Amino acid sequence: MLNREDMLELTRRMSVSRTSITRIAGCYMDAEGEIDGTFNTNFLNLSPGEKQKNLAIAKAIPFSRTNEQLREYFFPPERRGAGSMWQLLTAIKNCGLKNDALMETFYELAAEKYGKKEAYAIYVFHDRYDIPVKAADRCRLGESEEVYEYLICALCPLIGEYEPGRPESGFLFPSFSGRSADPDRVAVFYADPGRHRG
């Protein structure tokens, strides 16, 4: 089960002044399921308005209803081997979205799984969060002991030409549990909670 406080800890930092998101990449898919353009840029190079708009997309995933819209799933050992989605996501995280070949492989796999028959966008964000040490009363004690490096992915319908609407699905990888990374789990988001398996 996801802890709501863990998710809120992430979203509190998703403002133009506080964000530590390093990079944003993505693609636009046409109604036939083909890539209709890609982008990959340093998040700091965006204008304040673009940062705000993109942060709203990223924030929608962890800020969604915990354990309803956003649920945690375990990657069993047999699904963490060579050629697995777990391996691909780990490689994308480790390179900070900077490998275009990995990104394109991910877009194609995501599109195949999503199967939507209309135009939409896939946005991927990379972040490194220096988790501050906190006392039992939640007061910050000092320097961080762990850096939580993670991805947020959002799949959004297009509401205009290359203009994404609110995310319909996405994920947070690796999951964030007990104020720490859980590399064996992913938090999956569906705007419609009924789409979760089981």
Protein backbone atom coordinates (compact mmCIF):
# COMPACT_ATOMS: atom_id res chain seq x y z
CA MET A 1 0.00 0.00 0.00
CA LEU A 2 1.17 3.50 -0.82
CA ASN A 3 1.46 6.06 1.95
CA ARG A 4 -0.32 9.33 1.13
CA GLU A 5 2.28 11.32 3.08
CA ASP A 6 5.06 9.93 0.89
CA MET A 7 3.22 11.09 -2.22
CA LEU A 8 2.53 14.53 -0.75
CA GLU A 9 6.21 14.88 0.12
CA LEU A 10 6.98 14.54 -3.58
CA THR A 11 4.22 16.84 -4.81
CA ARG A 12 5.06 19.65 -2.36
CA ARG A 13 8.28 20.13 -4.29
CA MET A 14 6.61 20.30 -7.69
CA SER A 15 6.55 24.06 -8.06
CA VAL A 16 8.66 26.27 -10.33
CA SER A 17 10.69 27.55 -7.37
CA ARG A 18 11.27 24.18 -5.63
CA THR A 19 11.44 21.55 -8.35
CA SER A 20 14.57 19.47 -8.89
CA ILE A 21 13.32 17.81 -12.10
CA THR A 22 16.33 17.55 -14.37
CA ARG A 23 14.88 16.56 -17.73
CA ILE A 24 11.69 16.06 -19.69
CA ALA A 25 11.25 13.87 -22.75
CA GLY A 26 8.27 12.64 -24.67
CA CYS A 27 6.51 11.90 -27.89
CA TYR A 28 3.25 12.53 -29.69
CA MET A 29 1.37 9.53 -31.03
CA ASP A 30 -1.07 9.75 -33.92
CA ALA A 31 -4.38 7.87 -34.15
CA GLU A 32 -2.66 5.00 -35.99
CA GLY A 33 -0.26 4.45 -33.10
CA GLU A 34 2.75 5.92 -34.90
CA ILE A 35 5.19 8.43 -33.37
CA ASP A 36 4.42 11.91 -34.73
CA GLY A 37 7.35 13.74 -33.15
CA THR A 38 9.57 13.61 -30.08
CA PHE A 39 11.30 16.01 -27.71
CA ASN A 40 14.00 15.70 -25.06
CA THR A 41 15.29 18.72 -23.15
CA ASN A 42 16.83 19.98 -19.94
CA PHE A 43 13.96 21.03 -17.67
CA LEU A 44 15.87 24.13 -16.53
CA ASN A 45 15.89 25.42 -20.11
CA LEU A 46 12.09 25.77 -20.17
CA SER A 47 10.41 29.13 -19.62
CA PRO A 48 8.63 29.62 -16.27
CA GLY A 49 5.28 29.18 -18.03
CA GLU A 50 6.38 25.93 -19.68
CA LYS A 51 7.77 24.66 -16.39
CA GLN A 52 4.47 25.39 -14.65
CA LYS A 53 2.43 23.64 -17.35
CA ASN A 54 4.66 20.56 -17.35
CA LEU A 55 4.87 20.36 -13.56
CA ALA A 56 1.05 20.23 -13.46
CA ILE A 57 1.21 17.14 -15.69
CA ALA A 58 3.91 15.46 -13.57
CA LYS A 59 2.22 16.33 -10.27
CA ALA A 60 -1.09 14.79 -11.36
CA ILE A 61 0.39 11.29 -10.99
CA PRO A 62 1.58 11.26 -7.34
CA PHE A 63 -1.14 13.72 -6.27
CA SER A 64 -3.94 11.42 -7.48
CA ARG A 65 -6.07 9.41 -5.05
CA THR A 66 -3.63 7.09 -3.27
CA ASN A 67 -4.50 3.37 -3.45
CA GLU A 68 -7.47 4.17 -5.72
CA GLN A 69 -6.21 5.93 -8.85
CA LEU A 70 -2.57 5.32 -7.89
CA ARG A 71 -1.72 1.77 -6.86
CA GLU A 72 1.53 -0.03 -6.22
CA TYR A 73 2.57 -3.16 -8.12
CA PHE A 74 5.44 -5.55 -7.43
CA PHE A 75 7.91 -6.67 -10.10
CA PRO A 76 8.58 -10.35 -9.31
CA PRO A 77 12.17 -11.53 -9.92
CA GLU A 78 11.22 -13.27 -13.17
CA ARG A 79 10.01 -9.93 -14.57
CA ARG A 80 13.24 -8.08 -13.79
CA GLY A 81 15.56 -9.86 -16.21
CA ALA A 82 17.08 -8.97 -19.56
CA GLY A 83 14.58 -7.44 -21.96
CA SER A 84 12.00 -6.72 -19.24
CA MET A 85 10.12 -3.45 -18.76
CA TRP A 86 11.77 -3.20 -15.33
CA GLN A 87 15.22 -3.34 -16.94
CA LEU A 88 14.23 -0.73 -19.54
CA LEU A 89 12.83 1.68 -16.94
CA THR A 90 15.91 1.23 -14.75
CA ALA A 91 18.19 2.00 -17.71
CA ILE A 92 16.14 5.09 -18.63
CA LYS A 93 16.30 6.31 -15.03
CA ASN A 94 20.04 5.68 -14.78
CA CYS A 95 20.80 7.65 -17.96
CA GLY A 96 18.52 10.51 -16.93
CA LEU A 97 16.45 10.25 -20.18
CA LYS A 98 19.54 11.06 -22.25
CA ASN A 99 19.52 7.92 -24.42
CA ASP A 100 17.15 8.53 -27.35
CA ALA A 101 17.23 4.88 -28.46
CA LEU A 102 16.00 3.74 -25.03
CA MET A 103 13.33 6.42 -25.04
CA GLU A 104 12.02 5.40 -28.45
CA THR A 105 11.89 1.74 -27.37
CA PHE A 106 9.89 2.79 -24.32
CA TYR A 107 7.44 4.93 -26.36
CA GLU A 108 6.76 2.01 -28.71
CA LEU A 109 6.17 -0.42 -25.83
CA ALA A 110 3.99 2.07 -23.95
CA ALA A 111 1.91 2.74 -27.07
CA GLU A 112 1.47 -0.98 -27.69
CA LYS A 113 0.21 -1.49 -24.13
CA TYR A 114 -1.96 1.65 -24.09
CA GLY A 115 -3.62 0.81 -27.42
CA LYS A 116 -5.48 4.12 -27.72
CA LYS A 117 -6.95 4.82 -31.16
CA GLU A 118 -6.66 8.61 -31.05
CA ALA A 119 -3.84 11.12 -30.78
CA TYR A 120 -2.13 11.43 -27.40
CA ALA A 121 1.17 12.37 -25.78
CA ILE A 122 3.62 10.43 -23.63
CA TYR A 123 5.59 12.64 -21.22
CA VAL A 124 8.47 11.35 -19.09
CA PHE A 125 10.12 13.33 -16.28
CA HIS A 126 13.40 12.57 -14.50
CA ASP A 127 14.05 13.84 -10.98
CA ARG A 128 16.62 13.50 -8.21
CA TYR A 129 15.27 14.26 -4.74
CA ASP A 130 17.74 14.71 -1.87
CA ILE A 131 15.58 13.28 0.89
CA PRO A 132 16.12 15.40 4.03
CA VAL A 133 16.63 13.59 7.33
CA LYS A 134 13.68 14.24 9.64
CA ALA A 135 13.07 13.63 13.32
CA ALA A 136 10.01 11.80 14.63
CA ASP A 137 8.16 15.14 14.84
CA ARG A 138 8.84 15.63 11.09
CA CYS A 139 11.18 18.58 11.67
CA ARG A 140 14.08 18.61 9.25
CA LEU A 141 17.34 17.59 10.92
CA GLY A 142 19.84 18.36 8.20
CA GLU A 143 21.53 17.00 5.11
CA SER A 144 20.05 14.13 3.13
CA GLU A 145 21.21 10.55 3.50
CA GLU A 146 19.58 9.28 0.30
CA VAL A 147 18.92 10.59 -3.19
CA TYR A 148 15.66 9.28 -4.63
CA GLU A 149 16.14 9.15 -8.41
CA TYR A 150 12.92 8.44 -10.23
CA LEU A 151 10.74 8.74 -13.32
CA ILE A 152 7.21 10.01 -13.72
CA CYS A 153 5.40 9.05 -16.90
CA ALA A 154 2.09 10.57 -18.00
CA LEU A 155 -0.07 9.57 -20.96
CA CYS A 156 -2.33 12.44 -21.94
CA PRO A 157 -4.98 12.94 -24.62
CA LEU A 158 -4.27 15.85 -26.94
CA ILE A 159 -6.66 18.80 -26.58
CA GLY A 160 -5.02 20.79 -29.36
CA GLU A 161 -2.09 20.43 -31.73
CA TYR A 162 0.69 19.04 -29.52
CA GLU A 163 -1.21 20.27 -26.44
CA PRO A 164 -1.64 17.60 -23.75
CA GLY A 165 -4.71 17.45 -21.53
CA ARG A 166 -4.94 15.90 -18.05
CA PRO A 167 -3.18 12.52 -17.74
CA GLU A 168 -5.34 9.43 -18.22
CA SER A 169 -2.65 7.00 -17.07
CA GLY A 170 0.98 6.89 -16.04
CA PHE A 171 3.34 5.74 -13.34
CA LEU A 172 6.00 6.59 -10.76
CA PHE A 173 9.13 4.41 -10.92
CA PRO A 174 10.61 3.23 -8.69
CA SER A 175 7.89 3.51 -6.09
CA PHE A 176 8.47 5.76 -3.05
CA SER A 177 7.78 4.03 0.24
CA GLY A 178 8.75 5.02 3.78
CA ARG A 179 10.54 8.07 2.33
CA SER A 180 12.82 5.80 0.31
CA ALA A 181 13.06 4.24 -3.14
CA ASP A 182 11.50 0.79 -3.60
CA PRO A 183 13.18 -0.46 -6.80
CA ASP A 184 11.06 -3.63 -6.91
CA ARG A 185 7.78 -1.72 -7.22
CA VAL A 186 6.07 0.75 -9.50
CA ALA A 187 3.13 3.03 -8.64
CA VAL A 188 0.67 2.90 -11.55
CA PHE A 189 -1.89 5.66 -12.19
CA TYR A 190 -5.25 5.46 -13.96
CA ALA A 191 -7.65 8.41 -13.88
CA ASP A 192 -10.36 5.74 -13.98
CA PRO A 193 -9.59 3.46 -10.98
CA GLY A 194 -11.58 0.65 -12.59
CA ARG A 195 -8.75 0.07 -15.07
CA HIS A 196 -6.50 -1.37 -12.37
CA ARG A 197 -6.15 -5.11 -12.60
CA GLY A 198 -7.60 -7.09 -9.77
